Amino acid sequence: MNTTAFMIQILIRYHGIFAAIAAQRAERMELPDGATLLDALWLAARRHPPLTEALFLANGEIAPYTRAFLNGTLLDDPKRPLREGDEITLLPSLSGGEAPMQPIHLLNLGLVPPIRS
């Protein structure tokens, strides 16, 4: 029986206050296969302890002012399994309050340049 755990590599990009707290704009992480966005954020918080308060509420849920994008699309399910090569982008909210979320794509915010053929 093979007990070797499969690992995946992802990239986390930090923007705004998250980049200031992490003291970097991006980092690669290795996580077990089947890890979720929530797992990746907790790993980031362990690597950069001040991120814990910035990313999470006291009950451990992702703070409502934390916007997480997966491969350019706003992620609405923090328990979605990640895949090899996934890219998570963390942005603080761009406005106050909490309104119903509409699908947002990073291209629409001008944060990711469009791919030109």
PDB file of N, CA and C in Angstrom:
ATOM      1  N   MET A   1       0.836  -1.176   0.000  1.00  0.00           N
ATOM      2  CA  MET A   1       0.000   0.000   0.000  1.00  0.00           C
ATOM      3  C   MET A   1       0.881   1.239   0.000  1.00  0.00           C
ATOM      4  N   ASN A   2       0.579   2.181  -0.885  1.00  0.00           N
ATOM      5  CA  ASN A   2       1.344   3.413  -1.002  1.00  0.00           C
ATOM      6  C   ASN A   2       0.762   4.451  -0.047  1.00  0.00           C
ATOM      7  N   THR A   3       1.565   4.877   0.925  1.00  0.00           N
ATOM      8  CA  THR A   3       1.090   5.861   1.903  1.00  0.00           C
ATOM      9  C   THR A   3       1.591   7.265   1.590  1.00  0.00           C
ATOM     10  N   THR A   4       2.221   7.453   0.437  1.00  0.00           N
ATOM     11  CA  THR A   4       2.719   8.763   0.052  1.00  0.00           C
ATOM     12  C   THR A   4       1.545   9.668  -0.289  1.00  0.00           C
ATOM     13  N   ALA A   5       1.442  10.806   0.382  1.00  0.00           N
ATOM     14  CA  ALA A   5       0.381  11.765   0.106  1.00  0.00           C
ATOM     15  C   ALA A   5       0.744  12.563  -1.144  1.00  0.00           C
ATOM     16  N   PHE A   6      -0.228  12.766  -1.994  1.00  0.00           N
ATOM     17  CA  PHE A   6      -0.013  13.597  -3.166  1.00  0.00           C
ATOM     18  C   PHE A   6      -0.124  15.050  -2.748  1.00  0.00           C
ATOM     19  N   MET A   7       0.751  15.873  -3.283  1.00  0.00           N
ATOM     20  CA  MET A   7       0.769  17.293  -2.954  1.00  0.00           C
ATOM     21  C   MET A   7       0.499  18.100  -4.215  1.00  0.00           C
ATOM     22  N   ILE A   8      -0.091  19.264  -4.034  1.00  0.00           N
ATOM     23  CA  ILE A   8      -0.308  20.190  -5.140  1.00  0.00           C
ATOM     24  C   ILE A   8       0.402  21.499  -4.815  1.00  0.00           C
ATOM     25  N   GLN A   9       0.765  22.217  -5.856  1.00  0.00           N
ATOM     26  CA  GLN A   9       1.355  23.542  -5.678  1.00  0.00           C
ATOM     27  C   GLN A   9       0.370  24.579  -6.188  1.00  0.00           C
ATOM     28  N   ILE A  10       0.212  25.643  -5.401  1.00  0.00           N
ATOM     29  CA  ILE A  10      -0.654  26.754  -5.790  1.00  0.00           C
ATOM     30  C   ILE A  10       0.132  28.048  -5.630  1.00  0.00           C
ATOM     31  N   LEU A  11      -0.433  29.121  -6.126  1.00  0.00           N
ATOM     32  CA  LEU A  11       0.157  30.449  -5.976  1.00  0.00           C
ATOM     33  C   LEU A  11      -0.876  31.331  -5.289  1.00  0.00           C
ATOM     34  N   ILE A  12      -0.455  32.068  -4.276  1.00  0.00           N
ATOM     35  CA  ILE A  12      -1.318  33.063  -3.639  1.00  0.00           C
ATOM     36  C   ILE A  12      -0.754  34.438  -3.946  1.00  0.00           C
ATOM     37  N   ARG A  13      -1.606  35.309  -4.454  1.00  0.00           N
ATOM     38  CA  ARG A  13      -1.232  36.699  -4.717  1.00  0.00           C
ATOM     39  C   ARG A  13      -1.939  37.578  -3.687  1.00  0.00           C
ATOM     40  N   TYR A  14      -1.163  38.433  -3.037  1.00  0.00           N
ATOM     41  CA  TYR A  14      -1.682  39.331  -2.016  1.00  0.00           C
ATOM     42  C   TYR A  14      -1.771  40.753  -2.576  1.00  0.00           C
ATOM     43  N   HIS A  15      -2.864  41.443  -2.280  1.00  0.00           N
ATOM     44  CA  HIS A  15      -3.037  42.834  -2.698  1.00  0.00           C
ATOM     45  C   HIS A  15      -3.440  43.676  -1.498  1.00  0.00           C
ATOM     46  N   GLY A  16      -3.186  44.972  -1.598  1.00  0.00           N
ATOM     47  CA  GLY A  16      -3.596  45.906  -0.557  1.00  0.00           C
ATOM     48  C   GLY A  16      -2.976  45.563   0.783  1.00  0.00           C
ATOM     49  N   ILE A  17      -3.793  45.636   1.820  1.00  0.00           N
ATOM     50  CA  ILE A  17      -3.328  45.401   3.181  1.00  0.00           C
ATOM     51  C   ILE A  17      -2.752  43.995   3.351  1.00  0.00           C
ATOM     52  N   PHE A  18      -3.269  43.028   2.587  1.00  0.00           N
ATOM     53  CA  PHE A  18      -2.759  41.659   2.698  1.00  0.00           C
ATOM     54  C   PHE A  18      -1.300  41.584   2.256  1.00  0.00           C
ATOM     55  N   ALA A  19      -0.950  42.312   1.196  1.00  0.00           N
ATOM     56  CA  ALA A  19       0.446  42.340   0.735  1.00  0.00           C
ATOM     57  C   ALA A  19       1.341  43.025   1.763  1.00  0.00           C
ATOM     58  N   ALA A  20       0.830  44.086   2.368  1.00  0.00           N
ATOM     59  CA  ALA A  20       1.616  44.787   3.390  1.00  0.00           C
ATOM     60  C   ALA A  20       1.859  43.889   4.598  1.00  0.00           C
ATOM     61  N   ILE A  21       0.833  43.163   5.019  1.00  0.00           N
ATOM     62  CA  ILE A  21       0.970  42.294   6.189  1.00  0.00           C
ATOM     63  C   ILE A  21       1.910  41.117   5.895  1.00  0.00           C
ATOM     64  N   ALA A  22       1.746  40.503   4.723  1.00  0.00           N
ATOM     65  CA  ALA A  22       2.581  39.350   4.367  1.00  0.00           C
ATOM     66  C   ALA A  22       3.986  39.771   3.943  1.00  0.00           C
ATOM     67  N   ALA A  23       4.181  41.070   3.715  1.00  0.00           N
ATOM     68  CA  ALA A  23       5.467  41.623   3.272  1.00  0.00           C
ATOM     69  C   ALA A  23       5.924  41.005   1.953  1.00  0.00           C
ATOM     70  N   GLN A  24       4.962  40.651   1.130  1.00  0.00           N
ATOM     71  CA  GLN A  24       5.249  40.155  -0.219  1.00  0.00           C
ATOM     72  C   GLN A  24       3.963  40.192  -1.027  1.00  0.00           C
ATOM     73  N   ARG A  25       4.125  40.149  -2.335  1.00  0.00           N
ATOM     74  CA  ARG A  25       2.955  40.223  -3.212  1.00  0.00           C
ATOM     75  C   ARG A  25       2.473  38.844  -3.654  1.00  0.00           C
ATOM     76  N   ALA A  26       3.316  37.835  -3.520  1.00  0.00           N
ATOM     77  CA  ALA A  26       2.914  36.487  -3.948  1.00  0.00           C
ATOM     78  C   ALA A  26       3.821  35.458  -3.293  1.00  0.00           C
ATOM     79  N   GLU A  27       3.279  34.255  -3.168  1.00  0.00           N
ATOM     80  CA  GLU A  27       4.093  33.133  -2.701  1.00  0.00           C
ATOM     81  C   GLU A  27       3.477  31.828  -3.176  1.00  0.00           C
ATOM     82  N   ARG A  28       4.339  30.863  -3.385  1.00  0.00           N
ATOM     83  CA  ARG A  28       3.904  29.519  -3.749  1.00  0.00           C
ATOM     84  C   ARG A  28       3.729  28.702  -2.481  1.00  0.00           C
ATOM     85  N   MET A  29       2.768  27.815  -2.526  1.00  0.00           N
ATOM     86  CA  MET A  29       2.507  26.939  -1.388  1.00  0.00           C
ATOM     87  C   MET A  29       2.297  25.530  -1.876  1.00  0.00           C
ATOM     88  N   GLU A  30       2.681  24.593  -1.039  1.00  0.00           N
ATOM     89  CA  GLU A  30       2.426  23.180  -1.314  1.00  0.00           C
ATOM     90  C   GLU A  30       1.411  22.700  -0.276  1.00  0.00           C
ATOM     91  N   LEU A  31       0.349  22.096  -0.775  1.00  0.00           N
ATOM     92  CA  LEU A  31      -0.748  21.614   0.069  1.00  0.00           C
ATOM     93  C   LEU A  31      -1.082  20.183  -0.310  1.00  0.00           C
ATOM     94  N   PRO A  32      -1.681  19.435   0.605  1.00  0.00           N
ATOM     95  CA  PRO A  32      -2.110  18.082   0.252  1.00  0.00           C
ATOM     96  C   PRO A  32      -3.218  18.119  -0.795  1.00  0.00           C
ATOM     97  N   ASP A  33      -3.227  17.151  -1.673  1.00  0.00           N
ATOM     98  CA  ASP A  33      -4.290  17.020  -2.663  1.00  0.00           C
ATOM     99  C   ASP A  33      -5.625  16.988  -1.925  1.00  0.00           C
ATOM    100  N   GLY A  34      -6.600  17.734  -2.414  1.00  0.00           N
ATOM    101  CA  GLY A  34      -7.895  17.809  -1.756  1.00  0.00           C
ATOM    102  C   GLY A  34      -8.016  18.997  -0.822  1.00  0.00           C
ATOM    103  N   ALA A  35      -6.919  19.762  -0.621  1.00  0.00           N
ATOM    104  CA  ALA A  35      -6.968  20.948   0.232  1.00  0.00           C
ATOM    105  C   ALA A  35      -7.909  21.976  -0.385  1.00  0.00           C
ATOM    106  N   THR A  36      -8.474  22.817   0.461  1.00  0.00           N
ATOM    107  CA  THR A  36      -9.442  23.819   0.030  1.00  0.00           C
ATOM    108  C   THR A  36      -8.857  25.223   0.131  1.00  0.00           C
ATOM    109  N   LEU A  37      -9.621  26.202  -0.348  1.00  0.00           N
ATOM    110  CA  LEU A  37      -9.227  27.594  -0.193  1.00  0.00           C
ATOM    111  C   LEU A  37      -9.031  27.905   1.291  1.00  0.00           C
ATOM    112  N   LEU A  38      -9.933  27.441   2.119  1.00  0.00           N
ATOM    113  CA  LEU A  38      -9.829  27.669   3.558  1.00  0.00           C
ATOM    114  C   LEU A  38      -8.512  27.120   4.104  1.00  0.00           C
ATOM    115  N   ASP A  39      -8.127  25.924   3.668  1.00  0.00           N
ATOM    116  CA  ASP A  39      -6.845  25.336   4.083  1.00  0.00           C
ATOM    117  C   ASP A  39      -5.678  26.219   3.658  1.00  0.00           C
ATOM    118  N   ALA A  40      -5.732  26.735   2.427  1.00  0.00           N
ATOM    119  CA  ALA A  40      -4.646  27.580   1.912  1.00  0.00           C
ATOM    120  C   ALA A  40      -4.550  28.880   2.711  1.00  0.00           C
ATOM    121  N   LEU A  41      -5.693  29.463   3.055  1.00  0.00           N
ATOM    122  CA  LEU A  41      -5.668  30.710   3.819  1.00  0.00           C
ATOM    123  C   LEU A  41      -5.135  30.491   5.226  1.00  0.00           C
ATOM    124  N   TRP A  42      -5.494  29.363   5.835  1.00  0.00           N
ATOM    125  CA  TRP A  42      -4.952  29.067   7.173  1.00  0.00           C
ATOM    126  C   TRP A  42      -3.445  28.825   7.117  1.00  0.00           C
ATOM    127  N   LEU A  43      -2.964  28.199   6.045  1.00  0.00           N
ATOM    128  CA  LEU A  43      -1.517  28.019   5.896  1.00  0.00           C
ATOM    129  C   LEU A  43      -0.830  29.376   5.751  1.00  0.00           C
ATOM    130  N   ALA A  44      -1.435  30.263   4.948  1.00  0.00           N
ATOM    131  CA  ALA A  44      -0.879  31.611   4.792  1.00  0.00           C
ATOM    132  C   ALA A  44      -0.833  32.323   6.141  1.00  0.00           C
ATOM    133  N   ALA A  45      -1.889  32.155   6.940  1.00  0.00           N
ATOM    134  CA  ALA A  45      -1.943  32.792   8.260  1.00  0.00           C
ATOM    135  C   ALA A  45      -0.893  32.202   9.204  1.00  0.00           C
ATOM    136  N   ARG A  46      -0.610  30.908   9.082  1.00  0.00           N
ATOM    137  CA  ARG A  46       0.449  30.308   9.912  1.00  0.00           C
ATOM    138  C   ARG A  46       1.820  30.843   9.502  1.00  0.00           C
ATOM    139  N   ARG A  47       2.010  31.054   8.200  1.00  0.00           N
ATOM    140  CA  ARG A  47       3.285  31.590   7.721  1.00  0.00           C
ATOM    141  C   ARG A  47       3.447  33.062   8.103  1.00  0.00           C
ATOM    142  N   HIS A  48       2.348  33.793   8.138  1.00  0.00           N
ATOM    143  CA  HIS A  48       2.342  35.227   8.416  1.00  0.00           C
ATOM    144  C   HIS A  48       1.266  35.487   9.479  1.00  0.00           C
ATOM    145  N   PRO A  49       1.567  35.246  10.758  1.00  0.00           N
ATOM    146  CA  PRO A  49       0.545  35.307  11.816  1.00  0.00           C
ATOM    147  C   PRO A  49      -0.334  36.558  11.833  1.00  0.00           C
ATOM    148  N   PRO A  50       0.168  37.757  11.505  1.00  0.00           N
ATOM    149  CA  PRO A  50      -0.744  38.907  11.497  1.00  0.00           C
ATOM    150  C   PRO A  50      -1.874  38.790  10.457  1.00  0.00           C
ATOM    151  N   LEU A  51      -1.703  37.926   9.467  1.00  0.00           N
ATOM    152  CA  LEU A  51      -2.776  37.713   8.487  1.00  0.00           C
ATOM    153  C   LEU A  51      -4.016  37.076   9.115  1.00  0.00           C
ATOM    154  N   THR A  52      -3.837  36.353  10.210  1.00  0.00           N
ATOM    155  CA  THR A  52      -4.968  35.670  10.834  1.00  0.00           C
ATOM    156  C   THR A  52      -6.098  36.654  11.117  1.00  0.00           C
ATOM    157  N   GLU A  53      -5.761  37.742  11.763  1.00  0.00           N
ATOM    158  CA  GLU A  53      -6.779  38.739  12.107  1.00  0.00           C
ATOM    159  C   GLU A  53      -7.320  39.446  10.874  1.00  0.00           C
ATOM    160  N   ALA A  54      -6.496  39.596   9.847  1.00  0.00           N
ATOM    161  CA  ALA A  54      -6.935  40.278   8.628  1.00  0.00           C
ATOM    162  C   ALA A  54      -7.839  39.401   7.764  1.00  0.00           C
ATOM    163  N   LEU A  55      -7.620  38.083   7.773  1.00  0.00           N
ATOM    164  CA  LEU A  55      -8.367  37.182   6.897  1.00  0.00           C
ATOM    165  C   LEU A  55      -9.595  36.551   7.539  1.00  0.00           C
ATOM    166  N   PHE A  56      -9.571  36.386   8.864  1.00  0.00           N
ATOM    167  CA  PHE A  56     -10.598  35.580   9.523  1.00  0.00           C
ATOM    168  C   PHE A  56     -11.335  36.331  10.619  1.00  0.00           C
ATOM    169  N   LEU A  57     -12.572  35.910  10.845  1.00  0.00           N
ATOM    170  CA  LEU A  57     -13.342  36.360  11.999  1.00  0.00           C
ATOM    171  C   LEU A  57     -12.932  35.516  13.205  1.00  0.00           C
ATOM    172  N   ALA A  58     -13.382  35.899  14.369  1.00  0.00           N
ATOM    173  CA  ALA A  58     -13.037  35.166  15.595  1.00  0.00           C
ATOM    174  C   ALA A  58     -13.523  33.722  15.561  1.00  0.00           C
ATOM    175  N   ASN A  59     -14.608  33.439  14.826  1.00  0.00           N
ATOM    176  CA  ASN A  59     -15.140  32.070  14.750  1.00  0.00           C
ATOM    177  C   ASN A  59     -14.439  31.213  13.696  1.00  0.00           C
ATOM    178  N   GLY A  60     -13.410  31.754  13.030  1.00  0.00           N
ATOM    179  CA  GLY A  60     -12.654  30.988  12.052  1.00  0.00           C
ATOM    180  C   GLY A  60     -13.162  31.090  10.630  1.00  0.00           C
ATOM    181  N   GLU A  61     -14.271  31.768  10.423  1.00  0.00           N
ATOM    182  CA  GLU A  61     -14.781  31.955   9.053  1.00  0.00           C
ATOM    183  C   GLU A  61     -13.988  33.059   8.364  1.00  0.00           C
ATOM    184  N   ILE A  62     -13.974  33.006   7.038  1.00  0.00           N
ATOM    185  CA  ILE A  62     -13.310  34.055   6.274  1.00  0.00           C
ATOM    186  C   ILE A  62     -14.065  35.362   6.498  1.00  0.00           C
ATOM    187  N   ALA A  63     -13.326  36.423   6.795  1.00  0.00           N
ATOM    188  CA  ALA A  63     -13.937  37.720   7.057  1.00  0.00           C
ATOM    189  C   ALA A  63     -14.682  38.228   5.825  1.00  0.00           C
ATOM    190  N   PRO A  64     -15.819  38.902   6.018  1.00  0.00           N
ATOM    191  CA  PRO A  64     -16.613  39.367   4.874  1.00  0.00           C
ATOM    192  C   PRO A  64     -15.902  40.424   4.034  1.00  0.00           C
ATOM    193  N   TYR A  65     -14.871  41.064   4.565  1.00  0.00           N
ATOM    194  CA  TYR A  65     -14.120  42.060   3.810  1.00  0.00           C
ATOM    195  C   TYR A  65     -12.941  41.446   3.064  1.00  0.00           C
ATOM    196  N   THR A  66     -12.772  40.136   3.148  1.00  0.00           N
ATOM    197  CA  THR A  66     -11.745  39.431   2.390  1.00  0.00           C
ATOM    198  C   THR A  66     -12.378  38.885   1.115  1.00  0.00           C
ATOM    199  N   ARG A  67     -11.840  39.270  -0.009  1.00  0.00           N
ATOM    200  CA  ARG A  67     -12.318  38.762  -1.292  1.00  0.00           C
ATOM    201  C   ARG A  67     -11.261  37.827  -1.850  1.00  0.00           C
ATOM    202  N   ALA A  68     -11.651  36.589  -2.080  1.00  0.00           N
ATOM    203  CA  ALA A  68     -10.736  35.579  -2.617  1.00  0.00           C
ATOM    204  C   ALA A  68     -11.184  35.209  -4.030  1.00  0.00           C
ATOM    205  N   PHE A  69     -10.262  35.297  -4.946  1.00  0.00           N
ATOM    206  CA  PHE A  69     -10.505  34.924  -6.335  1.00  0.00           C
ATOM    207  C   PHE A  69      -9.706  33.661  -6.626  1.00  0.00           C
ATOM    208  N   LEU A  70     -10.318  32.737  -7.328  1.00  0.00           N
ATOM    209  CA  LEU A  70      -9.639  31.516  -7.736  1.00  0.00           C
ATOM    210  C   LEU A  70      -9.529  31.527  -9.247  1.00  0.00           C
ATOM    211  N   ASN A  71      -8.314  31.566  -9.731  1.00  0.00           N
ATOM    212  CA  ASN A  71      -8.052  31.603 -11.172  1.00  0.00           C
ATOM    213  C   ASN A  71      -8.833  32.726 -11.840  1.00  0.00           C
ATOM    214  N   GLY A  72      -8.932  33.872 -11.142  1.00  0.00           N
ATOM    215  CA  GLY A  72      -9.544  35.062 -11.718  1.00  0.00           C
ATOM    216  C   GLY A  72     -11.015  35.257 -11.440  1.00  0.00           C
ATOM    217  N   THR A  73     -11.684  34.299 -10.836  1.00  0.00           N
ATOM    218  CA  THR A  73     -13.115  34.405 -10.586  1.00  0.00           C
ATOM    219  C   THR A  73     -13.389  34.421  -9.088  1.00  0.00           C
ATOM    220  N   LEU A  74     -14.265  35.340  -8.660  1.00  0.00           N
ATOM    221  CA  LEU A  74     -14.604  35.428  -7.251  1.00  0.00           C
ATOM    222  C   LEU A  74     -15.099  34.083  -6.758  1.00  0.00           C
ATOM    223  N   LEU A  75     -14.514  33.623  -5.676  1.00  0.00           N
ATOM    224  CA  LEU A  75     -14.837  32.299  -5.136  1.00  0.00           C
ATOM    225  C   LEU A  75     -15.922  32.431  -4.084  1.00  0.00           C
ATOM    226  N   ASP A  76     -16.994  31.681  -4.254  1.00  0.00           N
ATOM    227  CA  ASP A  76     -18.097  31.753  -3.298  1.00  0.00           C
ATOM    228  C   ASP A  76     -18.135  30.549  -2.358  1.00  0.00           C
ATOM    229  N   ASP A  77     -17.296  29.552  -2.586  1.00  0.00           N
ATOM    230  CA  ASP A  77     -17.289  28.365  -1.736  1.00  0.00           C
ATOM    231  C   ASP A  77     -15.875  28.132  -1.209  1.00  0.00           C
ATOM    232  N   PRO A  78     -15.606  28.529   0.048  1.00  0.00           N
ATOM    233  CA  PRO A  78     -14.251  28.380   0.578  1.00  0.00           C
ATOM    234  C   PRO A  78     -13.828  26.928   0.789  1.00  0.00           C
ATOM    235  N   LYS A  79     -14.771  25.992   0.645  1.00  0.00           N
ATOM    236  CA  LYS A  79     -14.431  24.575   0.831  1.00  0.00           C
ATOM    237  C   LYS A  79     -14.250  23.849  -0.495  1.00  0.00           C
ATOM    238  N   ARG A  80     -14.171  24.608  -1.580  1.00  0.00           N
ATOM    239  CA  ARG A  80     -13.937  24.008  -2.897  1.00  0.00           C
ATOM    240  C   ARG A  80     -12.512  23.482  -2.947  1.00  0.00           C
ATOM    241  N   PRO A  81     -12.330  22.223  -3.359  1.00  0.00           N
ATOM    242  CA  PRO A  81     -10.968  21.673  -3.448  1.00  0.00           C
ATOM    243  C   PRO A  81     -10.127  22.421  -4.485  1.00  0.00           C
ATOM    244  N   LEU A  82      -8.884  22.613  -4.148  1.00  0.00           N
ATOM    245  CA  LEU A  82      -7.940  23.256  -5.062  1.00  0.00           C
ATOM    246  C   LEU A  82      -7.293  22.203  -5.945  1.00  0.00           C
ATOM    247  N   ARG A  83      -6.734  22.671  -7.060  1.00  0.00           N
ATOM    248  CA  ARG A  83      -6.050  21.779  -7.999  1.00  0.00           C
ATOM    249  C   ARG A  83      -4.635  22.290  -8.235  1.00  0.00           C
ATOM    250  N   GLU A  84      -3.808  21.410  -8.710  1.00  0.00           N
ATOM    251  CA  GLU A  84      -2.435  21.755  -9.071  1.00  0.00           C
ATOM    252  C   GLU A  84      -2.436  22.995  -9.962  1.00  0.00           C
ATOM    253  N   GLY A  85      -1.610  23.990  -9.586  1.00  0.00           N
ATOM    254  CA  GLY A  85      -1.454  25.184 -10.410  1.00  0.00           C
ATOM    255  C   GLY A  85      -2.493  26.261 -10.189  1.00  0.00           C
ATOM    256  N   ASP A  86      -3.471  26.035  -9.297  1.00  0.00           N
ATOM    257  CA  ASP A  86      -4.468  27.068  -9.035  1.00  0.00           C
ATOM    258  C   ASP A  86      -3.797  28.328  -8.519  1.00  0.00           C
ATOM    259  N   GLU A  87      -4.435  29.463  -8.809  1.00  0.00           N
ATOM    260  CA  GLU A  87      -3.941  30.757  -8.352  1.00  0.00           C
ATOM    261  C   GLU A  87      -5.038  31.440  -7.543  1.00  0.00           C
ATOM    262  N   ILE A  88      -4.715  31.770  -6.310  1.00  0.00           N
ATOM    263  CA  ILE A  88      -5.635  32.486  -5.429  1.00  0.00           C
ATOM    264  C   ILE A  88      -5.162  33.930  -5.359  1.00  0.00           C
ATOM    265  N   THR A  89      -6.083  34.856  -5.537  1.00  0.00           N
ATOM    266  CA  THR A  89      -5.791  36.273  -5.391  1.00  0.00           C
ATOM    267  C   THR A  89      -6.619  36.802  -4.234  1.00  0.00           C
ATOM    268  N   LEU A  90      -5.964  37.441  -3.289  1.00  0.00           N
ATOM    269  CA  LEU A  90      -6.656  37.993  -2.122  1.00  0.00           C
ATOM    270  C   LEU A  90      -6.696  39.513  -2.217  1.00  0.00           C
ATOM    271  N   LEU A  91      -7.921  40.040  -2.146  1.00  0.00           N
ATOM    272  CA  LEU A  91      -8.135  41.484  -2.167  1.00  0.00           C
ATOM    273  C   LEU A  91      -8.961  41.882  -0.962  1.00  0.00           C
ATOM    274  N   PRO A  92      -8.648  43.014  -0.349  1.00  0.00           N
ATOM    275  CA  PRO A  92      -9.580  43.530   0.645  1.00  0.00           C
ATOM    276  C   PRO A  92     -10.799  44.078  -0.103  1.00  0.00           C
ATOM    277  N   SER A  93     -11.927  44.177   0.578  1.00  0.00           N
ATOM    278  CA  SER A  93     -13.123  44.725  -0.069  1.00  0.00           C
ATOM    279  C   SER A  93     -12.814  46.079  -0.669  1.00  0.00           C
ATOM    280  N   LEU A  94     -13.435  46.358  -1.791  1.00  0.00           N
ATOM    281  CA  LEU A  94     -13.212  47.618  -2.483  1.00  0.00           C
ATOM    282  C   LEU A  94     -14.184  48.686  -2.027  1.00  0.00           C
ATOM    283  N   SER A  95     -15.187  48.307  -1.219  1.00  0.00           N
ATOM    284  CA  SER A  95     -16.143  49.272  -0.685  1.00  0.00           C
ATOM    285  C   SER A  95     -16.647  48.749   0.646  1.00  0.00           C
ATOM    286  N   GLY A  96     -17.352  49.584   1.372  1.00  0.00           N
ATOM    287  CA  GLY A  96     -17.868  49.190   2.676  1.00  0.00           C
ATOM    288  C   GLY A  96     -19.147  48.395   2.573  1.00  0.00           C
ATOM    289  N   GLY A  97     -19.562  47.829   3.690  1.00  0.00           N
ATOM    290  CA  GLY A  97     -20.822  47.105   3.739  1.00  0.00           C
ATOM    291  C   GLY A  97     -20.733  45.743   3.116  1.00  0.00           C
ATOM    292  N   GLU A  98     -21.844  45.062   3.167  1.00  0.00           N
ATOM    293  CA  GLU A  98     -21.911  43.724   2.597  1.00  0.00           C
ATOM    294  C   GLU A  98     -23.205  43.609   1.817  1.00  0.00           C
ATOM    295  N   ALA A  99     -23.100  43.683   0.512  1.00  0.00           N
ATOM    296  CA  ALA A  99     -24.261  43.578  -0.369  1.00  0.00           C
ATOM    297  C   ALA A  99     -24.247  42.213  -1.031  1.00  0.00           C
ATOM    298  N   PRO A 100     -25.369  41.782  -1.598  1.00  0.00           N
ATOM    299  CA  PRO A 100     -25.353  40.512  -2.334  1.00  0.00           C
ATOM    300  C   PRO A 100     -24.276  40.557  -3.412  1.00  0.00           C
ATOM    301  N   MET A 101     -23.510  39.489  -3.495  1.00  0.00           N
ATOM    302  CA  MET A 101     -22.389  39.449  -4.425  1.00  0.00           C
ATOM    303  C   MET A 101     -22.839  39.077  -5.824  1.00  0.00           C
ATOM    304  N   GLN A 102     -22.341  39.804  -6.776  1.00  0.00           N
ATOM    305  CA  GLN A 102     -22.528  39.485  -8.176  1.00  0.00           C
ATOM    306  C   GLN A 102     -21.234  38.842  -8.656  1.00  0.00           C
ATOM    307  N   PRO A 103     -21.302  37.961  -9.646  1.00  0.00           N
ATOM    308  CA  PRO A 103     -20.054  37.374 -10.152  1.00  0.00           C
ATOM    309  C   PRO A 103     -19.101  38.472 -10.618  1.00  0.00           C
ATOM    310  N   ILE A 104     -17.869  38.358 -10.184  1.00  0.00           N
ATOM    311  CA  ILE A 104     -16.835  39.333 -10.535  1.00  0.00           C
ATOM    312  C   ILE A 104     -15.659  38.554 -11.104  1.00  0.00           C
ATOM    313  N   HIS A 105     -15.037  39.116 -12.098  1.00  0.00           N
ATOM    314  CA  HIS A 105     -13.842  38.508 -12.668  1.00  0.00           C
ATOM    315  C   HIS A 105     -12.731  39.545 -12.609  1.00  0.00           C
ATOM    316  N   LEU A 106     -11.524  39.123 -12.281  1.00  0.00           N
ATOM    317  CA  LEU A 106     -10.409  40.051 -12.131  1.00  0.00           C
ATOM    318  C   LEU A 106     -10.126  40.856 -13.396  1.00  0.00           C
ATOM    319  N   LEU A 107     -10.436  40.306 -14.559  1.00  0.00           N
ATOM    320  CA  LEU A 107     -10.236  41.075 -15.785  1.00  0.00           C
ATOM    321  C   LEU A 107     -11.096  42.327 -15.751  1.00  0.00           C
ATOM    322  N   ASN A 108     -12.304  42.220 -15.196  1.00  0.00           N
ATOM    323  CA  ASN A 108     -13.203  43.363 -15.130  1.00  0.00           C
ATOM    324  C   ASN A 108     -12.683  44.435 -14.176  1.00  0.00           C
ATOM    325  N   LEU A 109     -11.880  44.055 -13.206  1.00  0.00           N
ATOM    326  CA  LEU A 109     -11.310  45.017 -12.266  1.00  0.00           C
ATOM    327  C   LEU A 109      -9.996  45.611 -12.782  1.00  0.00           C
ATOM    328  N   GLY A 110      -9.488  45.094 -13.889  1.00  0.00           N
ATOM    329  CA  GLY A 110      -8.243  45.585 -14.452  1.00  0.00           C
ATOM    330  C   GLY A 110      -7.010  45.101 -13.707  1.00  0.00           C
ATOM    331  N   LEU A 111      -7.143  44.057 -12.880  1.00  0.00           N
ATOM    332  CA  LEU A 111      -6.001  43.568 -12.109  1.00  0.00           C
ATOM    333  C   LEU A 111      -5.211  42.498 -12.836  1.00  0.00           C
ATOM    334  N   VAL A 112      -5.824  41.888 -13.825  1.00  0.00           N
ATOM    335  CA  VAL A 112      -5.147  40.858 -14.603  1.00  0.00           C
ATOM    336  C   VAL A 112      -5.220  41.287 -16.061  1.00  0.00           C
ATOM    337  N   PRO A 113      -4.095  41.438 -16.713  1.00  0.00           N
ATOM    338  CA  PRO A 113      -4.152  41.862 -18.119  1.00  0.00           C
ATOM    339  C   PRO A 113      -4.759  40.754 -18.976  1.00  0.00           C
ATOM    340  N   PRO A 114      -5.572  41.144 -19.962  1.00  0.00           N
ATOM    341  CA  PRO A 114      -6.132  40.123 -20.854  1.00  0.00           C
ATOM    342  C   PRO A 114      -5.028  39.441 -21.653  1.00  0.00           C
ATOM    343  N   ILE A 115      -5.237  38.198 -21.980  1.00  0.00           N
ATOM    344  CA  ILE A 115      -4.275  37.450 -22.792  1.00  0.00           C
ATOM    345  C   ILE A 115      -4.510  37.803 -24.250  1.00  0.00           C
ATOM    346  N   ARG A 116      -3.469  38.207 -24.890  1.00  0.00           N
ATOM    347  CA  ARG A 116      -3.569  38.582 -26.304  1.00  0.00           C
ATOM    348  C   ARG A 116      -2.945  37.481 -27.148  1.00  0.00           C
ATOM    349  N   SER A 117      -3.633  37.112 -28.217  1.00  0.00           N
ATOM    350  CA  SER A 117      -3.085  36.066 -29.071  1.00  0.00           C
ATOM    351  C   SER A 117      -2.259  36.631 -30.189  1.00  0.00           C
TER     352      SER A 117
END
